[in-house]
Amino acid sequence: MNDTIAAIATPVGEGGVSIIRISGSEALSLADCLFHCRGTQPKEWRPRQVYFGEIRDPSTDECVDEALLTFFKAPKSYTAEDVIEINTHGGIFVTSRILQLILDQGARLAEPGEFTRRAFLNGRIDLSQAEAVTDLIHASSERALRSAVSQLKGDLSKQLHAMYDQLLAVLSQLEASIDFSEEGLQFQKRESNLQALRTVQAQLETLIQTYRQGKIFREGASVALVGKPNVGKSSLLNALLRENRAIVTPLPGTTRDTLEERVRIRDIHINIIDAAGLREHPEIIEEEGIQRARAALASSDLALVIFDASQPLDSNDNLLIKEILDKKRLVVLNKSDLKQQLDRTVIQSRFPKTTPIRISAKTGSGIADLLDAIYKAVIADASLQEGIVITRERHRQCLVATYDALTKSCETLEQGLSEEFVAVDINFAMDRLGLILGKTFEEDLLDQIFGEFCIGK
């Protein structure tokens, strides 16, 4: 934390502009050695003013590049330290040369995410806001972007801080009643404490239920293509992608491994998984592919159950139906361009309350309707109103642990047991909330979180 760090903050490559960022107590003096204003060098650098000049090699006084320099004085900067940002012409060599000159003056190359990590450690943002920075960078849809911006602005933090403060108020009452039980003082009644804990629980439950929506916005939804061999799964994948990504042959069992590709449907990214066909008595090498297909099906958010409408149901179709009875699914009747041998009513009898979607992966007929159906199915359980959502499994686990701890504390209060037992569970609940906000953390956790960042952010 005492080192002055530097890194290139823009992607490596040729471009119009590159930005080099420096942060630390020596940032300004270091830049002063390299940057020479056109005209008179200022005796005192003014914060948030852009200066035009040259970057020169101190050893030769050679001009390396013309540049713009901006000074951000602590604590009103990204890291809450003194920060210098140098805008140079974009280019791999010139940017690297300037960075090396900065390092030669005593700065250290920043580690991945170290600028944002310093912002967190210096108290400018909390841990959930820091995680939102990388979500913002990797946002691949409008919904993902809005969710990341909301979290970066502190909307989630405010709600969690409010819960934390409510639990702290209850804990303070409990600990006071424990410490001064013989003083004859009046403390908040158990019923009031119980009501306060249940209020926080209700807020937690609402927040936990947003995880599926938040996960889909952040990572996309996983859709598995399942069916017996040669029903057209790979052809359907190619049709959805609008390119020949998967190998298609008339021979059953062509697909032996899972193939995963991403397609965007409106404002949601869909990860489509094409896997080996399910059938009885597969070949030895095909068996491994079928196991992977089952694993992909189990982990997916939605299954596209594909039948060959040009053939009647057989034993392999029946095997498939047994595999996906409890899975969220859409039923697809492929090969509508051929003579139809599979009656829609037969499928509907096996899948009550399901309307099969008839398509031809070969001609593209029905693909638009299928995309609409996938979108509606993916977001069916996800509330579309604007609001706070959680997007990370780490947050969900912490919130679930908090909820469970409060359940125990409520049961203890209802049973009339000692306040010490209630206080233990509330302390644990507050610790779990603190892990999201960064009130409590371990160094390994920070290494894991900020290791996801790029160098320079």
Protein backbone atom coordinates (compact mmCIF):
# COMPACT_ATOMS: atom_id res chain seq x y z
CA MET A 1 0.00 0.00 0.00
CA ASN A 2 2.97 2.35 0.45
CA ASP A 3 4.31 1.72 -3.05
CA THR A 4 3.54 4.02 -5.94
CA ILE A 5 2.07 1.82 -8.67
CA ALA A 6 1.65 2.30 -12.41
CA ALA A 7 0.03 0.45 -15.31
CA ILE A 8 -1.43 0.88 -18.76
CA ALA A 9 -5.18 1.29 -18.27
CA THR A 10 -6.23 0.80 -21.89
CA PRO A 11 -6.14 -2.42 -23.95
CA VAL A 12 -2.82 -3.36 -25.50
CA GLY A 13 -2.69 -2.58 -29.20
CA GLU A 14 -2.85 0.24 -31.69
CA GLY A 15 -5.45 2.92 -31.13
CA GLY A 16 -6.13 6.63 -31.00
CA VAL A 17 -5.25 7.09 -27.33
CA SER A 18 -3.60 5.10 -24.56
CA ILE A 19 -3.90 5.91 -20.85
CA ILE A 20 -1.22 5.24 -18.26
CA ARG A 21 -2.30 5.49 -14.64
CA ILE A 22 -0.06 6.17 -11.63
CA SER A 23 -1.25 6.03 -8.01
CA GLY A 24 0.55 6.65 -4.73
CA SER A 25 2.28 9.29 -2.65
CA GLU A 26 5.08 9.74 -5.22
CA ALA A 27 2.81 9.91 -8.27
CA LEU A 28 3.04 13.67 -8.74
CA SER A 29 6.78 14.03 -8.15
CA LEU A 30 7.44 11.08 -10.43
CA ALA A 31 5.34 12.57 -13.23
CA ASP A 32 7.03 15.93 -12.74
CA CYS A 33 10.35 14.30 -13.70
CA LEU A 34 8.98 13.01 -16.98
CA PHE A 35 6.30 15.43 -18.11
CA HIS A 36 7.27 18.86 -19.43
CA CYS A 37 4.51 21.38 -20.09
CA ARG A 38 4.52 23.47 -23.19
CA GLY A 39 5.58 26.81 -21.77
CA THR A 40 6.34 27.16 -18.07
CA GLN A 41 6.32 24.11 -15.81
CA PRO A 42 3.77 24.79 -13.03
CA LYS A 43 5.15 25.20 -9.52
CA GLU A 44 1.95 23.66 -8.16
CA TRP A 45 -0.12 21.21 -10.16
CA ARG A 46 -3.83 22.01 -10.02
CA PRO A 47 -6.16 19.02 -9.47
CA ARG A 48 -8.47 18.03 -12.30
CA GLN A 49 -6.80 20.32 -14.80
CA VAL A 50 -5.52 18.88 -18.07
CA TYR A 51 -1.96 19.86 -19.02
CA PHE A 52 -0.46 19.54 -22.50
CA GLY A 53 3.22 18.77 -22.92
CA GLU A 54 5.83 16.14 -23.69
CA ILE A 55 7.06 12.97 -22.04
CA ARG A 56 10.88 13.08 -22.03
CA ASP A 57 13.48 10.51 -21.11
CA PRO A 58 15.28 12.04 -18.08
CA SER A 59 18.59 10.46 -19.06
CA THR A 60 18.71 11.95 -22.58
CA ASP A 61 16.02 14.67 -22.55
CA GLU A 62 14.63 12.95 -25.65
CA CYS A 63 10.94 13.52 -26.39
CA VAL A 64 9.15 10.20 -26.38
CA ASP A 65 5.64 11.49 -27.14
CA GLU A 66 3.33 14.44 -26.80
CA ALA A 67 0.83 13.80 -24.04
CA LEU A 68 -1.92 15.13 -21.80
CA LEU A 69 -1.54 14.90 -18.02
CA THR A 70 -4.31 15.10 -15.41
CA PHE A 71 -3.69 15.21 -11.66
CA PHE A 72 -6.28 13.87 -9.17
CA LYS A 73 -5.44 14.85 -5.62
CA ALA A 74 -6.19 12.49 -2.73
CA PRO A 75 -8.77 11.66 -1.54
CA LYS A 76 -10.80 12.80 -4.57
CA SER A 77 -9.45 10.20 -6.97
CA TYR A 78 -10.23 6.66 -8.06
CA THR A 79 -7.94 5.11 -5.44
CA ALA A 80 -8.33 7.91 -2.85
CA GLU A 81 -4.58 8.46 -3.31
CA ASP A 82 -2.77 10.96 -5.52
CA VAL A 83 -3.38 9.76 -9.06
CA ILE A 84 -1.80 10.83 -12.36
CA GLU A 85 -3.33 9.87 -15.69
CA ILE A 86 -1.23 10.34 -18.83
CA ASN A 87 -2.97 10.26 -22.21
CA THR A 88 -0.55 9.36 -24.99
CA HIS A 89 -0.94 8.40 -28.63
CA GLY A 90 -2.13 4.82 -28.87
CA GLY A 91 0.49 2.27 -29.76
CA ILE A 92 2.16 -0.75 -28.24
CA PHE A 93 5.75 0.51 -28.31
CA VAL A 94 5.28 4.14 -27.30
CA THR A 95 2.97 3.23 -24.39
CA SER A 96 5.33 0.54 -23.13
CA ARG A 97 8.28 2.92 -23.41
CA ILE A 98 6.56 5.56 -21.27
CA LEU A 99 5.50 2.97 -18.72
CA GLN A 100 9.08 1.74 -18.46
CA LEU A 101 10.29 5.31 -17.84
CA ILE A 102 7.78 5.58 -15.00
CA LEU A 103 8.96 2.29 -13.50
CA ASP A 104 12.59 3.43 -13.83
CA GLN A 105 11.74 6.41 -11.62
CA GLY A 106 10.72 4.11 -8.77
CA ALA A 107 7.12 3.10 -9.38
CA ARG A 108 6.07 -0.54 -9.27
CA LEU A 109 3.96 -2.29 -11.92
CA ALA A 110 0.44 -2.65 -10.56
CA GLU A 111 -1.01 -6.09 -10.00
CA PRO A 112 -4.38 -7.07 -11.54
CA GLY A 113 -7.13 -5.02 -9.91
CA GLU A 114 -4.73 -3.18 -7.59
CA PHE A 115 -6.12 0.29 -8.33
CA THR A 116 -9.64 -0.84 -7.42
CA ARG A 117 -8.30 -2.80 -4.46
CA ARG A 118 -6.73 0.39 -3.11
CA ALA A 119 -10.03 2.20 -3.62
CA PHE A 120 -11.63 -0.45 -1.40
CA LEU A 121 -8.89 -0.54 1.23
CA ASN A 122 -8.87 3.26 1.40
CA GLY A 123 -12.62 3.27 2.05
CA ARG A 124 -13.78 4.98 -1.15
CA ILE A 125 -15.95 2.00 -2.14
CA ASP A 126 -17.05 -1.16 -0.38
CA LEU A 127 -16.37 -4.68 -1.60
CA SER A 128 -19.68 -5.14 -3.44
CA GLN A 129 -19.05 -1.90 -5.34
CA ALA A 130 -15.54 -3.09 -6.20
CA GLU A 131 -16.98 -6.30 -7.66
CA ALA A 132 -19.43 -4.19 -9.66
CA VAL A 133 -16.48 -2.57 -11.45
CA THR A 134 -15.51 -5.83 -13.13
CA ASP A 135 -19.19 -6.58 -13.82
CA LEU A 136 -19.44 -3.22 -15.57
CA ILE A 137 -16.36 -3.94 -17.67
CA HIS A 138 -17.64 -7.38 -18.73
CA ALA A 139 -21.29 -6.38 -19.17
CA SER A 140 -22.52 -7.92 -22.43
CA SER A 141 -26.12 -6.69 -22.44
CA GLU A 142 -28.19 -3.66 -21.49
CA ARG A 143 -29.61 -5.44 -18.45
CA ALA A 144 -26.17 -6.53 -17.25
CA LEU A 145 -24.95 -2.96 -17.65
CA ARG A 146 -27.84 -1.47 -15.68
CA SER A 147 -27.38 -4.03 -12.92
CA ALA A 148 -23.65 -3.30 -12.65
CA VAL A 149 -24.18 0.47 -12.63
CA SER A 150 -26.81 0.13 -9.89
CA GLN A 151 -24.43 -1.90 -7.74
CA LEU A 152 -21.52 0.45 -8.47
CA LYS A 153 -23.64 3.42 -7.35
CA GLY A 154 -24.15 1.63 -4.06
CA ASP A 155 -27.82 0.60 -4.32
CA LEU A 156 -27.10 -2.92 -3.05
CA SER A 157 -24.67 -1.59 -0.44
CA LYS A 158 -27.27 0.80 0.99
CA GLN A 159 -29.79 -2.00 1.43
CA LEU A 160 -27.23 -4.31 3.05
CA HIS A 161 -25.93 -1.55 5.31
CA ALA A 162 -29.50 -0.86 6.43
CA MET A 163 -29.97 -4.56 7.31
CA TYR A 164 -26.63 -4.58 9.10
CA ASP A 165 -27.62 -1.55 11.19
CA GLN A 166 -30.98 -3.13 12.08
CA LEU A 167 -29.22 -6.26 13.31
CA LEU A 168 -26.70 -4.15 15.20
CA ALA A 169 -29.54 -2.35 16.98
CA VAL A 170 -31.08 -5.66 18.08
CA LEU A 171 -27.68 -7.02 19.12
CA SER A 172 -26.99 -3.90 21.18
CA GLN A 173 -30.26 -4.39 23.07
CA LEU A 174 -29.50 -8.04 23.69
CA GLU A 175 -25.95 -7.45 24.89
CA ALA A 176 -27.08 -4.61 27.15
CA SER A 177 -29.71 -6.86 28.71
CA ILE A 178 -27.02 -9.51 29.27
CA ASP A 179 -24.47 -7.09 30.78
CA PHE A 180 -26.93 -5.20 32.97
CA SER A 181 -29.45 -7.90 33.77
CA GLU A 182 -29.32 -7.12 37.49
CA GLU A 183 -29.58 -3.35 37.23
CA GLY A 184 -33.37 -3.24 36.95
CA LEU A 185 -33.24 -1.43 33.59
CA GLN A 186 -35.90 -1.73 30.89
CA PHE A 187 -34.80 -3.12 27.55
CA GLN A 188 -36.57 -3.80 24.27
CA LYS A 189 -39.01 -6.68 24.61
CA ARG A 190 -38.34 -10.04 22.98
CA GLU A 191 -41.39 -9.56 20.75
CA SER A 192 -39.94 -6.32 19.38
CA ASN A 193 -36.56 -7.96 18.72
CA LEU A 194 -38.30 -10.89 17.05
CA GLN A 195 -40.27 -8.55 14.80
CA ALA A 196 -37.09 -6.66 13.83
CA LEU A 197 -35.31 -9.90 12.92
CA ARG A 198 -38.25 -11.11 10.85
CA THR A 199 -38.31 -7.81 8.98
CA VAL A 200 -34.67 -8.29 8.01
CA GLN A 201 -35.40 -11.90 7.06
CA ALA A 202 -38.17 -10.81 4.69
CA GLN A 203 -35.79 -8.35 3.01
CA LEU A 204 -33.16 -11.08 2.71
CA GLU A 205 -35.62 -13.52 1.17
CA THR A 206 -36.64 -10.98 -1.46
CA LEU A 207 -33.01 -10.27 -2.30
CA ILE A 208 -32.04 -13.96 -2.49
CA GLN A 209 -34.88 -14.59 -4.94
CA THR A 210 -33.34 -12.08 -7.37
CA TYR A 211 -30.23 -14.23 -7.84
CA ARG A 212 -31.54 -16.23 -10.79
CA GLN A 213 -32.45 -13.03 -12.59
CA GLY A 214 -29.14 -11.39 -11.72
CA LYS A 215 -27.14 -14.45 -12.77
CA ILE A 216 -28.87 -14.54 -16.14
CA PHE A 217 -28.24 -10.84 -16.67
CA ARG A 218 -24.55 -11.19 -15.73
CA GLU A 219 -23.61 -14.57 -17.20
CA GLY A 220 -26.44 -15.43 -19.57
CA ALA A 221 -28.72 -18.46 -19.48
CA SER A 222 -27.61 -22.00 -20.25
CA VAL A 223 -29.77 -23.91 -22.75
CA ALA A 224 -29.09 -27.59 -23.48
CA LEU A 225 -30.10 -29.26 -26.76
CA VAL A 226 -31.16 -32.82 -25.95
CA GLY A 227 -32.62 -35.61 -28.05
CA LYS A 228 -31.82 -38.98 -29.48
CA PRO A 229 -29.11 -39.24 -32.16
CA ASN A 230 -29.82 -37.70 -35.56
CA VAL A 231 -32.85 -35.59 -34.56
CA GLY A 232 -31.03 -32.46 -35.76
CA LYS A 233 -29.50 -31.00 -32.61
CA SER A 234 -26.33 -29.89 -34.38
CA SER A 235 -28.33 -28.53 -37.32
CA LEU A 236 -30.44 -26.56 -34.85
CA LEU A 237 -27.31 -25.18 -33.18
CA ASN A 238 -26.06 -23.99 -36.58
CA ALA A 239 -29.46 -22.45 -37.33
CA LEU A 240 -29.54 -20.57 -34.02
CA LEU A 241 -25.98 -19.32 -34.55
CA ARG A 242 -26.55 -18.62 -38.25
CA GLU A 243 -23.26 -20.30 -39.06
CA ASN A 244 -21.96 -23.84 -39.59
CA ARG A 245 -20.37 -24.33 -36.20
CA ALA A 246 -21.25 -28.00 -35.57
CA ILE A 247 -20.49 -30.94 -37.87
CA VAL A 248 -23.67 -32.37 -39.40
CA THR A 249 -23.85 -35.80 -41.07
CA PRO A 250 -26.65 -38.31 -41.76
CA LEU A 251 -24.90 -40.78 -39.43
CA PRO A 252 -26.26 -41.03 -35.86
CA GLY A 253 -23.78 -40.41 -33.06
CA THR A 254 -21.68 -37.83 -34.95
CA THR A 255 -21.56 -35.57 -31.88
CA ARG A 256 -19.40 -37.27 -29.24
CA ASP A 257 -18.52 -34.28 -27.01
CA THR A 258 -20.34 -31.18 -25.81
CA LEU A 259 -20.09 -28.03 -27.91
CA GLU A 260 -21.00 -24.72 -26.30
CA GLU A 261 -21.65 -21.48 -28.17
CA ARG A 262 -23.20 -18.13 -27.26
CA VAL A 263 -26.03 -16.32 -29.03
CA ARG A 264 -27.80 -13.12 -28.05
CA ILE A 265 -31.60 -13.04 -27.90
CA ARG A 266 -32.78 -9.48 -27.43
CA ASP A 267 -31.03 -8.31 -24.25
CA ILE A 268 -30.04 -11.72 -22.87
CA HIS A 269 -27.06 -13.89 -23.79
CA ILE A 270 -27.85 -17.57 -24.22
CA ASN A 271 -25.17 -20.25 -23.87
CA ILE A 272 -26.32 -23.10 -26.11
CA ILE A 273 -24.92 -26.55 -25.41
CA ASP A 274 -25.01 -29.22 -28.11
CA ALA A 275 -24.28 -32.69 -26.73
CA ALA A 276 -24.30 -36.32 -27.77
CA GLY A 277 -27.67 -37.90 -28.46
CA LEU A 278 -29.24 -40.05 -25.74
CA ARG A 279 -29.90 -43.61 -26.77
CA GLU A 280 -29.97 -47.15 -25.47
CA HIS A 281 -26.92 -49.39 -25.82
CA PRO A 282 -24.42 -46.76 -27.04
CA GLU A 283 -20.94 -47.59 -28.24
CA ILE A 284 -18.15 -47.38 -25.65
CA ILE A 285 -16.75 -44.09 -26.95
CA GLU A 286 -20.29 -42.69 -27.23
CA GLU A 287 -21.07 -43.52 -23.59
CA GLU A 288 -18.74 -40.78 -22.30
CA GLY A 289 -20.44 -38.25 -24.57
CA ILE A 290 -23.85 -39.27 -23.23
CA GLN A 291 -22.65 -38.80 -19.64
CA ARG A 292 -21.48 -35.32 -20.56
CA ALA A 293 -24.85 -34.65 -22.17
CA ARG A 294 -26.58 -35.63 -18.93
CA ALA A 295 -24.26 -33.33 -16.95
CA ALA A 296 -24.98 -30.45 -19.33
CA LEU A 297 -28.70 -31.08 -18.99
CA ALA A 298 -28.50 -31.10 -15.20
CA SER A 299 -26.63 -27.78 -15.03
CA SER A 300 -28.66 -25.96 -17.68
CA ASP A 301 -31.39 -23.38 -17.02
CA LEU A 302 -33.54 -24.72 -19.84
CA ALA A 303 -33.68 -27.84 -22.02
CA LEU A 304 -34.73 -27.88 -25.66
CA VAL A 305 -36.15 -31.38 -26.01
CA ILE A 306 -35.94 -32.21 -29.70
CA PHE A 307 -37.94 -34.87 -31.52
CA ASP A 308 -37.77 -35.95 -35.17
CA ALA A 309 -41.27 -35.20 -36.46
CA SER A 310 -40.64 -37.32 -39.56
CA GLN A 311 -40.56 -40.49 -37.43
CA PRO A 312 -42.85 -41.98 -34.77
CA LEU A 313 -41.62 -42.17 -31.18
CA ASP A 314 -39.29 -45.07 -30.40
CA SER A 315 -37.54 -46.50 -27.34
CA ASN A 316 -34.79 -43.87 -27.49
CA ASP A 317 -37.42 -41.11 -27.42
CA ASN A 318 -39.00 -42.77 -24.39
CA LEU A 319 -35.59 -42.85 -22.69
CA LEU A 320 -35.24 -39.14 -23.36
CA ILE A 321 -38.69 -38.36 -21.95
CA LYS A 322 -37.79 -40.11 -18.69
CA GLU A 323 -34.57 -38.09 -18.45
CA ILE A 324 -36.22 -34.67 -18.65
CA LEU A 325 -39.55 -35.06 -16.85
CA ASP A 326 -38.50 -32.79 -13.95
CA LYS A 327 -36.54 -30.31 -16.08
CA LYS A 328 -37.67 -26.87 -17.22
CA ARG A 329 -38.07 -27.41 -20.95
CA LEU A 330 -39.38 -26.51 -24.36
CA VAL A 331 -40.50 -29.30 -26.69
CA VAL A 332 -39.32 -28.94 -30.28
CA LEU A 333 -40.56 -30.93 -33.28
CA ASN A 334 -37.81 -30.75 -35.91
CA LYS A 335 -37.77 -31.68 -39.62
CA SER A 336 -41.10 -30.04 -40.43
CA ASP A 337 -39.91 -29.90 -44.06
CA LEU A 338 -40.30 -33.68 -44.32
CA LYS A 339 -43.42 -35.84 -44.32
CA GLN A 340 -44.80 -35.78 -40.78
CA GLN A 341 -45.07 -39.10 -38.93
CA LEU A 342 -45.24 -37.78 -35.36
CA ASP A 343 -48.62 -36.48 -34.31
CA ARG A 344 -48.46 -33.32 -32.13
CA THR A 345 -51.18 -34.77 -29.87
CA VAL A 346 -48.93 -37.75 -29.03
CA ILE A 347 -46.27 -35.36 -27.72
CA GLN A 348 -48.85 -33.30 -25.85
CA SER A 349 -50.11 -36.44 -24.14
CA ARG A 350 -46.57 -37.11 -22.87
CA PHE A 351 -46.03 -33.45 -21.94
CA PRO A 352 -49.32 -32.06 -20.59
CA LYS A 353 -49.75 -28.27 -20.66
CA THR A 354 -46.94 -28.03 -23.22
CA THR A 355 -47.31 -26.60 -26.72
CA PRO A 356 -44.68 -28.17 -29.03
CA ILE A 357 -42.82 -25.82 -31.36
CA ARG A 358 -42.60 -27.07 -34.92
CA ILE A 359 -39.41 -26.10 -36.80
CA SER A 360 -37.09 -27.07 -39.61
CA ALA A 361 -33.46 -26.53 -38.71
CA LYS A 362 -32.61 -27.19 -42.36
CA THR A 363 -34.84 -24.50 -43.91
CA GLY A 364 -35.04 -22.14 -40.93
CA SER A 365 -38.81 -22.42 -40.64
CA GLY A 366 -40.03 -21.74 -37.09
CA ILE A 367 -36.62 -20.62 -35.78
CA ALA A 368 -37.89 -17.10 -35.02
CA ASP A 369 -40.77 -18.54 -32.98
CA LEU A 370 -38.33 -20.81 -31.14
CA LEU A 371 -36.08 -17.85 -30.23
CA ASP A 372 -39.08 -15.99 -28.82
CA ALA A 373 -40.08 -19.05 -26.81
CA ILE A 374 -36.53 -19.46 -25.43
CA TYR A 375 -36.46 -15.81 -24.34
CA LYS A 376 -39.83 -16.03 -22.60
CA ALA A 377 -38.90 -19.30 -20.88
CA VAL A 378 -35.56 -17.95 -19.66
CA ILE A 379 -37.05 -14.83 -18.11
CA ALA A 380 -40.32 -16.44 -16.98
CA ASP A 381 -39.17 -16.75 -13.37
CA ALA A 382 -37.20 -13.52 -13.43
CA SER A 383 -38.94 -10.31 -12.44
CA LEU A 384 -38.46 -7.69 -15.11
CA GLN A 385 -39.06 -4.62 -12.98
CA GLU A 386 -36.17 -2.31 -12.25
CA GLY A 387 -34.66 -2.94 -8.85
CA ILE A 388 -31.77 -4.31 -6.87
CA VAL A 389 -30.58 -7.78 -7.85
CA ILE A 390 -27.66 -9.91 -6.75
CA THR A 391 -25.49 -11.32 -9.51
CA ARG A 392 -22.79 -13.34 -7.74
CA GLU A 393 -22.89 -16.78 -6.15
CA ARG A 394 -20.67 -15.47 -3.32
CA HIS A 395 -23.30 -12.90 -2.42
CA ARG A 396 -26.09 -15.48 -2.58
CA GLN A 397 -24.26 -17.86 -0.26
CA CYS A 398 -23.61 -15.10 2.27
CA LEU A 399 -27.24 -13.97 2.19
CA VAL A 400 -28.51 -17.54 2.60
CA ALA A 401 -26.17 -18.05 5.56
CA THR A 402 -27.42 -14.78 7.06
CA TYR A 403 -31.04 -15.86 6.57
CA ASP A 404 -30.38 -19.26 8.20
CA ALA A 405 -28.64 -17.65 11.17
CA LEU A 406 -31.60 -15.31 11.72
CA THR A 407 -33.97 -18.28 11.53
CA LYS A 408 -32.07 -19.86 14.42
CA SER A 409 -32.10 -16.62 16.41
CA CYS A 410 -35.87 -16.26 15.92
CA GLU A 411 -36.44 -19.84 17.07
CA THR A 412 -34.29 -19.19 20.14
CA LEU A 413 -36.29 -16.07 21.02
CA GLU A 414 -39.60 -17.89 20.56
CA GLN A 415 -38.42 -20.71 22.83
CA GLY A 416 -37.52 -18.23 25.54
CA LEU A 417 -33.88 -19.30 25.69
CA SER A 418 -31.06 -17.08 26.93
CA GLU A 419 -30.11 -13.92 25.03
CA GLU A 420 -26.54 -15.21 24.75
CA PHE A 421 -27.67 -17.84 22.22
CA VAL A 422 -29.58 -15.26 20.20
CA ALA A 423 -26.57 -12.93 20.19
CA VAL A 424 -24.27 -15.65 18.82
CA ASP A 425 -26.49 -16.22 15.77
CA ILE A 426 -26.96 -12.50 15.14
CA ASN A 427 -23.20 -11.98 15.33
CA PHE A 428 -22.75 -14.70 12.72
CA ALA A 429 -25.44 -13.14 10.51
CA MET A 430 -23.72 -9.75 10.69
CA ASP A 431 -20.40 -11.38 9.85
CA ARG A 432 -21.90 -12.91 6.68
CA LEU A 433 -23.32 -9.55 5.60
CA GLY A 434 -19.96 -8.01 6.38
CA LEU A 435 -18.27 -10.40 3.94
CA ILE A 436 -20.31 -8.93 1.09
CA LEU A 437 -19.59 -5.35 2.08
CA GLY A 438 -15.99 -5.90 3.08
CA LYS A 439 -16.56 -5.07 6.73
CA THR A 440 -14.97 -8.43 7.41
CA PHE A 441 -12.71 -10.17 4.94
CA GLU A 442 -9.69 -12.39 4.52
CA GLU A 443 -6.70 -11.63 2.31
CA ASP A 444 -7.37 -14.76 0.24
CA LEU A 445 -10.85 -13.45 -0.57
CA LEU A 446 -9.44 -10.16 -1.83
CA ASP A 447 -6.83 -11.99 -3.90
CA GLN A 448 -9.59 -14.05 -5.51
CA ILE A 449 -11.87 -11.08 -6.23
CA PHE A 450 -9.29 -8.65 -7.55
CA GLY A 451 -7.44 -11.36 -9.43
CA GLU A 452 -10.39 -11.31 -11.88
CA PHE A 453 -9.52 -7.74 -12.88
CA CYS A 454 -7.18 -6.66 -15.64
CA ILE A 455 -3.93 -4.86 -14.87
CA GLY A 456 -4.55 -1.11 -14.80
CA LYS A 457 -8.01 -1.31 -13.20
